Amino acid sequence: MADDLDDVIQENAEGPAEARGDSGSVRQHSLKDQIEADRYLAAKRAARAKRLGLRLSKLVPPGSD
């Protein structure tokens, strides 16, 4: 899903922000809004991850008892 969103943001950045024709006009969200949405979704995915962000462990060498 992240790759899809990255591709969409890249396509939208390369294309026009607004297009008008005989049938009407189309406007996209600004690039800033798309980047903020990407960051928000990445933060949600990170919060749902089952892994810990930081793991601390104590190393005890053998024979140090």
PDB file of N, CA and C in Angstrom:
ATOM      1  N   MET A   1       0.824  -1.192   0.000  1.00  0.00           N
ATOM      2  CA  MET A   1       0.000   0.000   0.000  1.00  0.00           C
ATOM      3  C   MET A   1       0.865   1.251   0.000  1.00  0.00           C
ATOM      4  N   ALA A   2       1.956   1.233   0.710  1.00  0.00           N
ATOM      5  CA  ALA A   2       2.824   2.411   0.758  1.00  0.00           C
ATOM      6  C   ALA A   2       3.406   2.704  -0.606  1.00  0.00           C
ATOM      7  N   ASP A   3       3.767   1.642  -1.349  1.00  0.00           N
ATOM      8  CA  ASP A   3       4.304   1.849  -2.681  1.00  0.00           C
ATOM      9  C   ASP A   3       3.255   2.454  -3.602  1.00  0.00           C
ATOM     10  N   ASP A   4       2.010   2.000  -3.459  1.00  0.00           N
ATOM     11  CA  ASP A   4       0.941   2.548  -4.277  1.00  0.00           C
ATOM     12  C   ASP A   4       0.756   4.035  -4.000  1.00  0.00           C
ATOM     13  N   LEU A   5       0.779   4.405  -2.745  1.00  0.00           N
ATOM     14  CA  LEU A   5       0.592   5.806  -2.380  1.00  0.00           C
ATOM     15  C   LEU A   5       1.762   6.654  -2.861  1.00  0.00           C
ATOM     16  N   ASP A   6       2.971   6.097  -2.773  1.00  0.00           N
ATOM     17  CA  ASP A   6       4.136   6.813  -3.300  1.00  0.00           C
ATOM     18  C   ASP A   6       4.006   7.042  -4.800  1.00  0.00           C
ATOM     19  N   ASP A   7       3.532   6.012  -5.519  1.00  0.00           N
ATOM     20  CA  ASP A   7       3.349   6.144  -6.965  1.00  0.00           C
ATOM     21  C   ASP A   7       2.296   7.198  -7.295  1.00  0.00           C
ATOM     22  N   VAL A   8       1.221   7.214  -6.530  1.00  0.00           N
ATOM     23  CA  VAL A   8       0.149   8.188  -6.766  1.00  0.00           C
ATOM     24  C   VAL A   8       0.656   9.608  -6.533  1.00  0.00           C
ATOM     25  N   ILE A   9       1.410   9.807  -5.456  1.00  0.00           N
ATOM     26  CA  ILE A   9       1.954  11.137  -5.163  1.00  0.00           C
ATOM     27  C   ILE A   9       2.897  11.576  -6.276  1.00  0.00           C
ATOM     28  N   GLN A  10       3.724  10.652  -6.765  1.00  0.00           N
ATOM     29  CA  GLN A  10       4.658  10.998  -7.840  1.00  0.00           C
ATOM     30  C   GLN A  10       3.910  11.344  -9.128  1.00  0.00           C
ATOM     31  N   GLU A  11       2.890  10.564  -9.478  1.00  0.00           N
ATOM     32  CA  GLU A  11       2.106  10.855 -10.678  1.00  0.00           C
ATOM     33  C   GLU A  11       1.413  12.213 -10.565  1.00  0.00           C
ATOM     34  N   ASN A  12       0.862  12.502  -9.397  1.00  0.00           N
ATOM     35  CA  ASN A  12       0.175  13.772  -9.210  1.00  0.00           C
ATOM     36  C   ASN A  12       1.143  14.944  -9.253  1.00  0.00           C
ATOM     37  N   ALA A  13       2.369  14.741  -8.771  1.00  0.00           N
ATOM     38  CA  ALA A  13       3.364  15.815  -8.807  1.00  0.00           C
ATOM     39  C   ALA A  13       3.805  16.104 -10.238  1.00  0.00           C
ATOM     40  N   GLU A  14       3.846  15.071 -11.074  1.00  0.00           N
ATOM     41  CA  GLU A  14       4.265  15.255 -12.458  1.00  0.00           C
ATOM     42  C   GLU A  14       3.153  15.836 -13.327  1.00  0.00           C
ATOM     43  N   GLY A  15       1.912  15.626 -12.945  1.00  0.00           N
ATOM     44  CA  GLY A  15       0.781  16.091 -13.735  1.00  0.00           C
ATOM     45  C   GLY A  15       0.345  17.498 -13.363  1.00  0.00           C
ATOM     46  N   PRO A  16      -0.644  18.007 -14.071  1.00  0.00           N
ATOM     47  CA  PRO A  16      -1.155  19.353 -13.773  1.00  0.00           C
ATOM     48  C   PRO A  16      -1.978  19.365 -12.480  1.00  0.00           C
ATOM     49  N   ALA A  17      -1.990  20.504 -11.814  1.00  0.00           N
ATOM     50  CA  ALA A  17      -2.768  20.642 -10.585  1.00  0.00           C
ATOM     51  C   ALA A  17      -4.250  20.837 -10.891  1.00  0.00           C
ATOM     52  N   GLU A  18      -4.540  21.394 -12.050  1.00  0.00           N
ATOM     53  CA  GLU A  18      -5.920  21.653 -12.422  1.00  0.00           C
ATOM     54  C   GLU A  18      -6.064  21.490 -13.929  1.00  0.00           C
ATOM     55  N   ALA A  19      -7.176  20.896 -14.350  1.00  0.00           N
ATOM     56  CA  ALA A  19      -7.438  20.708 -15.779  1.00  0.00           C
ATOM     57  C   ALA A  19      -8.868  21.119 -16.071  1.00  0.00           C
ATOM     58  N   ARG A  20      -9.045  21.803 -17.203  1.00  0.00           N
ATOM     59  CA  ARG A  20     -10.382  22.234 -17.622  1.00  0.00           C
ATOM     60  C   ARG A  20     -10.638  21.753 -19.042  1.00  0.00           C
ATOM     61  N   GLY A  21     -11.861  21.403 -19.274  1.00  0.00           N
ATOM     62  CA  GLY A  21     -12.255  20.951 -20.600  1.00  0.00           C
ATOM     63  C   GLY A  21     -13.710  21.284 -20.858  1.00  0.00           C
ATOM     64  N   ASP A  22     -14.233  20.769 -21.963  1.00  0.00           N
ATOM     65  CA  ASP A  22     -15.628  21.026 -22.317  1.00  0.00           C
ATOM     66  C   ASP A  22     -16.602  20.416 -21.320  1.00  0.00           C
ATOM     67  N   SER A  23     -16.219  19.292 -20.746  1.00  0.00           N
ATOM     68  CA  SER A  23     -17.130  18.604 -19.840  1.00  0.00           C
ATOM     69  C   SER A  23     -17.027  19.086 -18.396  1.00  0.00           C
ATOM     70  N   GLY A  24     -16.060  19.948 -18.092  1.00  0.00           N
ATOM     71  CA  GLY A  24     -15.927  20.459 -16.735  1.00  0.00           C
ATOM     72  C   GLY A  24     -14.471  20.648 -16.359  1.00  0.00           C
ATOM     73  N   SER A  25     -14.244  20.766 -15.067  1.00  0.00           N
ATOM     74  CA  SER A  25     -12.872  20.959 -14.598  1.00  0.00           C
ATOM     75  C   SER A  25     -12.572  19.978 -13.468  1.00  0.00           C
ATOM     76  N   VAL A  26     -11.286  19.685 -13.317  1.00  0.00           N
ATOM     77  CA  VAL A  26     -10.826  18.755 -12.289  1.00  0.00           C
ATOM     78  C   VAL A  26      -9.675  19.407 -11.544  1.00  0.00           C
ATOM     79  N   ARG A  27      -9.685  19.290 -10.229  1.00  0.00           N
ATOM     80  CA  ARG A  27      -8.610  19.839  -9.406  1.00  0.00           C
ATOM     81  C   ARG A  27      -8.144  18.755  -8.443  1.00  0.00           C
ATOM     82  N   GLN A  28      -6.839  18.635  -8.278  1.00  0.00           N
ATOM     83  CA  GLN A  28      -6.271  17.661  -7.357  1.00  0.00           C
ATOM     84  C   GLN A  28      -5.960  18.334  -6.029  1.00  0.00           C
ATOM     85  N   HIS A  29      -5.767  17.487  -5.026  1.00  0.00           N
ATOM     86  CA  HIS A  29      -5.287  18.012  -3.749  1.00  0.00           C
ATOM     87  C   HIS A  29      -3.879  18.535  -3.955  1.00  0.00           C
ATOM     88  N   SER A  30      -3.492  19.524  -3.178  1.00  0.00           N
ATOM     89  CA  SER A  30      -2.151  20.077  -3.322  1.00  0.00           C
ATOM     90  C   SER A  30      -1.113  19.034  -2.934  1.00  0.00           C
ATOM     91  N   LEU A  31       0.084  19.192  -3.440  1.00  0.00           N
ATOM     92  CA  LEU A  31       1.161  18.256  -3.137  1.00  0.00           C
ATOM     93  C   LEU A  31       1.459  18.241  -1.644  1.00  0.00           C
ATOM     94  N   LYS A  32       1.371  19.395  -1.014  1.00  0.00           N
ATOM     95  CA  LYS A  32       1.599  19.476   0.435  1.00  0.00           C
ATOM     96  C   LYS A  32       0.583  18.628   1.192  1.00  0.00           C
ATOM     97  N   ASP A  33      -0.679  18.695   0.781  1.00  0.00           N
ATOM     98  CA  ASP A  33      -1.714  17.898   1.435  1.00  0.00           C
ATOM     99  C   ASP A  33      -1.485  16.406   1.219  1.00  0.00           C
ATOM    100  N   GLN A  34      -1.018  16.031   0.039  1.00  0.00           N
ATOM    101  CA  GLN A  34      -0.759  14.623  -0.248  1.00  0.00           C
ATOM    102  C   GLN A  34       0.402  14.098   0.592  1.00  0.00           C
ATOM    103  N   ILE A  35       1.433  14.905   0.757  1.00  0.00           N
ATOM    104  CA  ILE A  35       2.576  14.498   1.572  1.00  0.00           C
ATOM    105  C   ILE A  35       2.165  14.370   3.032  1.00  0.00           C
ATOM    106  N   GLU A  36       1.356  15.293   3.526  1.00  0.00           N
ATOM    107  CA  GLU A  36       0.869  15.210   4.904  1.00  0.00           C
ATOM    108  C   GLU A  36       0.013  13.963   5.101  1.00  0.00           C
ATOM    109  N   ALA A  37      -0.806  13.614   4.105  1.00  0.00           N
ATOM    110  CA  ALA A  37      -1.621  12.408   4.194  1.00  0.00           C
ATOM    111  C   ALA A  37      -0.737  11.173   4.220  1.00  0.00           C
ATOM    112  N   ASP A  38       0.325  11.163   3.433  1.00  0.00           N
ATOM    113  CA  ASP A  38       1.260  10.042   3.414  1.00  0.00           C
ATOM    114  C   ASP A  38       1.929   9.889   4.773  1.00  0.00           C
ATOM    115  N   ARG A  39       2.355  10.981   5.361  1.00  0.00           N
ATOM    116  CA  ARG A  39       2.986  10.934   6.696  1.00  0.00           C
ATOM    117  C   ARG A  39       2.007  10.432   7.752  1.00  0.00           C
ATOM    118  N   TYR A  40       0.762  10.887   7.668  1.00  0.00           N
ATOM    119  CA  TYR A  40      -0.262  10.462   8.620  1.00  0.00           C
ATOM    120  C   TYR A  40      -0.504   8.963   8.513  1.00  0.00           C
ATOM    121  N   LEU A  41      -0.640   8.459   7.290  1.00  0.00           N
ATOM    122  CA  LEU A  41      -0.883   7.032   7.100  1.00  0.00           C
ATOM    123  C   LEU A  41       0.325   6.201   7.534  1.00  0.00           C
ATOM    124  N   ALA A  42       1.534   6.706   7.301  1.00  0.00           N
ATOM    125  CA  ALA A  42       2.737   5.995   7.745  1.00  0.00           C
ATOM    126  C   ALA A  42       2.790   5.934   9.269  1.00  0.00           C
ATOM    127  N   ALA A  43       2.392   6.999   9.928  1.00  0.00           N
ATOM    128  CA  ALA A  43       2.373   7.016  11.391  1.00  0.00           C
ATOM    129  C   ALA A  43       1.339   6.030  11.929  1.00  0.00           C
ATOM    130  N   LYS A  44       0.191   5.921  11.270  1.00  0.00           N
ATOM    131  CA  LYS A  44      -0.824   4.969  11.693  1.00  0.00           C
ATOM    132  C   LYS A  44      -0.327   3.542  11.526  1.00  0.00           C
ATOM    133  N   ARG A  45       0.359   3.252  10.413  1.00  0.00           N
ATOM    134  CA  ARG A  45       0.903   1.911  10.202  1.00  0.00           C
ATOM    135  C   ARG A  45       1.961   1.590  11.257  1.00  0.00           C
ATOM    136  N   ALA A  46       2.786   2.560  11.595  1.00  0.00           N
ATOM    137  CA  ALA A  46       3.831   2.344  12.598  1.00  0.00           C
ATOM    138  C   ALA A  46       3.216   2.106  13.974  1.00  0.00           C
ATOM    139  N   ALA A  47       2.135   2.791  14.283  1.00  0.00           N
ATOM    140  CA  ALA A  47       1.495   2.628  15.588  1.00  0.00           C
ATOM    141  C   ALA A  47       0.836   1.255  15.705  1.00  0.00           C
ATOM    142  N   ARG A  48       0.374   0.696  14.594  1.00  0.00           N
ATOM    143  CA  ARG A  48      -0.273  -0.610  14.612  1.00  0.00           C
ATOM    144  C   ARG A  48       0.722  -1.766  14.583  1.00  0.00           C
ATOM    145  N   ALA A  49       1.983  -1.476  14.295  1.00  0.00           N
ATOM    146  CA  ALA A  49       2.985  -2.536  14.181  1.00  0.00           C
ATOM    147  C   ALA A  49       3.159  -3.252  15.519  1.00  0.00           C
ATOM    148  N   LYS A  50       3.314  -4.551  15.459  1.00  0.00           N
ATOM    149  CA  LYS A  50       3.450  -5.336  16.681  1.00  0.00           C
ATOM    150  C   LYS A  50       4.858  -5.289  17.237  1.00  0.00           C
ATOM    151  N   ARG A  51       5.799  -4.879  16.440  1.00  0.00           N
ATOM    152  CA  ARG A  51       7.178  -4.784  16.904  1.00  0.00           C
ATOM    153  C   ARG A  51       7.379  -3.530  17.735  1.00  0.00           C
ATOM    154  N   LEU A  52       8.333  -3.620  18.622  1.00  0.00           N
ATOM    155  CA  LEU A  52       8.685  -2.449  19.410  1.00  0.00           C
ATOM    156  C   LEU A  52       9.637  -1.579  18.603  1.00  0.00           C
ATOM    157  N   GLY A  53       9.576  -0.305  18.781  1.00  0.00           N
ATOM    158  CA  GLY A  53      10.463   0.590  18.068  1.00  0.00           C
ATOM    159  C   GLY A  53      11.896   0.489  18.557  1.00  0.00           C
ATOM    160  N   LEU A  54      12.063   0.160  19.803  1.00  0.00           N
ATOM    161  CA  LEU A  54      13.390   0.064  20.404  1.00  0.00           C
ATOM    162  C   LEU A  54      13.393  -1.111  21.361  1.00  0.00           C
ATOM    163  N   ARG A  55      14.383  -1.944  21.235  1.00  0.00           N
ATOM    164  CA  ARG A  55      14.469  -3.098  22.118  1.00  0.00           C
ATOM    165  C   ARG A  55      15.757  -3.009  22.916  1.00  0.00           C
ATOM    166  N   LEU A  56      15.622  -3.078  24.223  1.00  0.00           N
ATOM    167  CA  LEU A  56      16.770  -3.055  25.104  1.00  0.00           C
ATOM    168  C   LEU A  56      16.959  -4.455  25.680  1.00  0.00           C
ATOM    169  N   SER A  57      18.187  -4.892  25.705  1.00  0.00           N
ATOM    170  CA  SER A  57      18.474  -6.188  26.312  1.00  0.00           C
ATOM    171  C   SER A  57      19.796  -6.106  27.052  1.00  0.00           C
ATOM    172  N   LYS A  58      19.910  -6.916  28.088  1.00  0.00           N
ATOM    173  CA  LYS A  58      21.115  -6.928  28.894  1.00  0.00           C
ATOM    174  C   LYS A  58      21.956  -8.133  28.473  1.00  0.00           C
ATOM    175  N   LEU A  59      23.202  -7.864  28.093  1.00  0.00           N
ATOM    176  CA  LEU A  59      24.101  -8.932  27.695  1.00  0.00           C
ATOM    177  C   LEU A  59      24.991  -9.294  28.872  1.00  0.00           C
ATOM    178  N   VAL A  60      25.011 -10.570  29.190  1.00  0.00           N
ATOM    179  CA  VAL A  60      25.820 -11.074  30.292  1.00  0.00           C
ATOM    180  C   VAL A  60      26.813 -12.070  29.704  1.00  0.00           C
ATOM    181  N   PRO A  61      28.106 -11.769  29.735  1.00  0.00           N
ATOM    182  CA  PRO A  61      29.069 -12.722  29.193  1.00  0.00           C
ATOM    183  C   PRO A  61      29.158 -13.973  30.082  1.00  0.00           C
ATOM    184  N   PRO A  62      29.459 -15.121  29.472  1.00  0.00           N
ATOM    185  CA  PRO A  62      29.539 -16.357  30.273  1.00  0.00           C
ATOM    186  C   PRO A  62      30.702 -16.278  31.272  1.00  0.00           C
ATOM    187  N   GLY A  63      30.488 -16.847  32.427  1.00  0.00           N
ATOM    188  CA  GLY A  63      31.513 -16.901  33.456  1.00  0.00           C
ATOM    189  C   GLY A  63      31.585 -15.638  34.303  1.00  0.00           C
ATOM    190  N   SER A  64      30.655 -14.747  34.200  1.00  0.00           N
ATOM    191  CA  SER A  64      30.697 -13.519  34.999  1.00  0.00           C
ATOM    192  C   SER A  64      29.794 -13.611  36.219  1.00  0.00           C
ATOM    193  N   ASP A  65      29.319 -14.801  36.556  1.00  0.00           N
ATOM    194  CA  ASP A  65      28.420 -14.975  37.699  1.00  0.00           C
ATOM    195  C   ASP A  65      29.088 -14.729  38.980  1.00  0.00           C
TER     196      ASP A  65
END
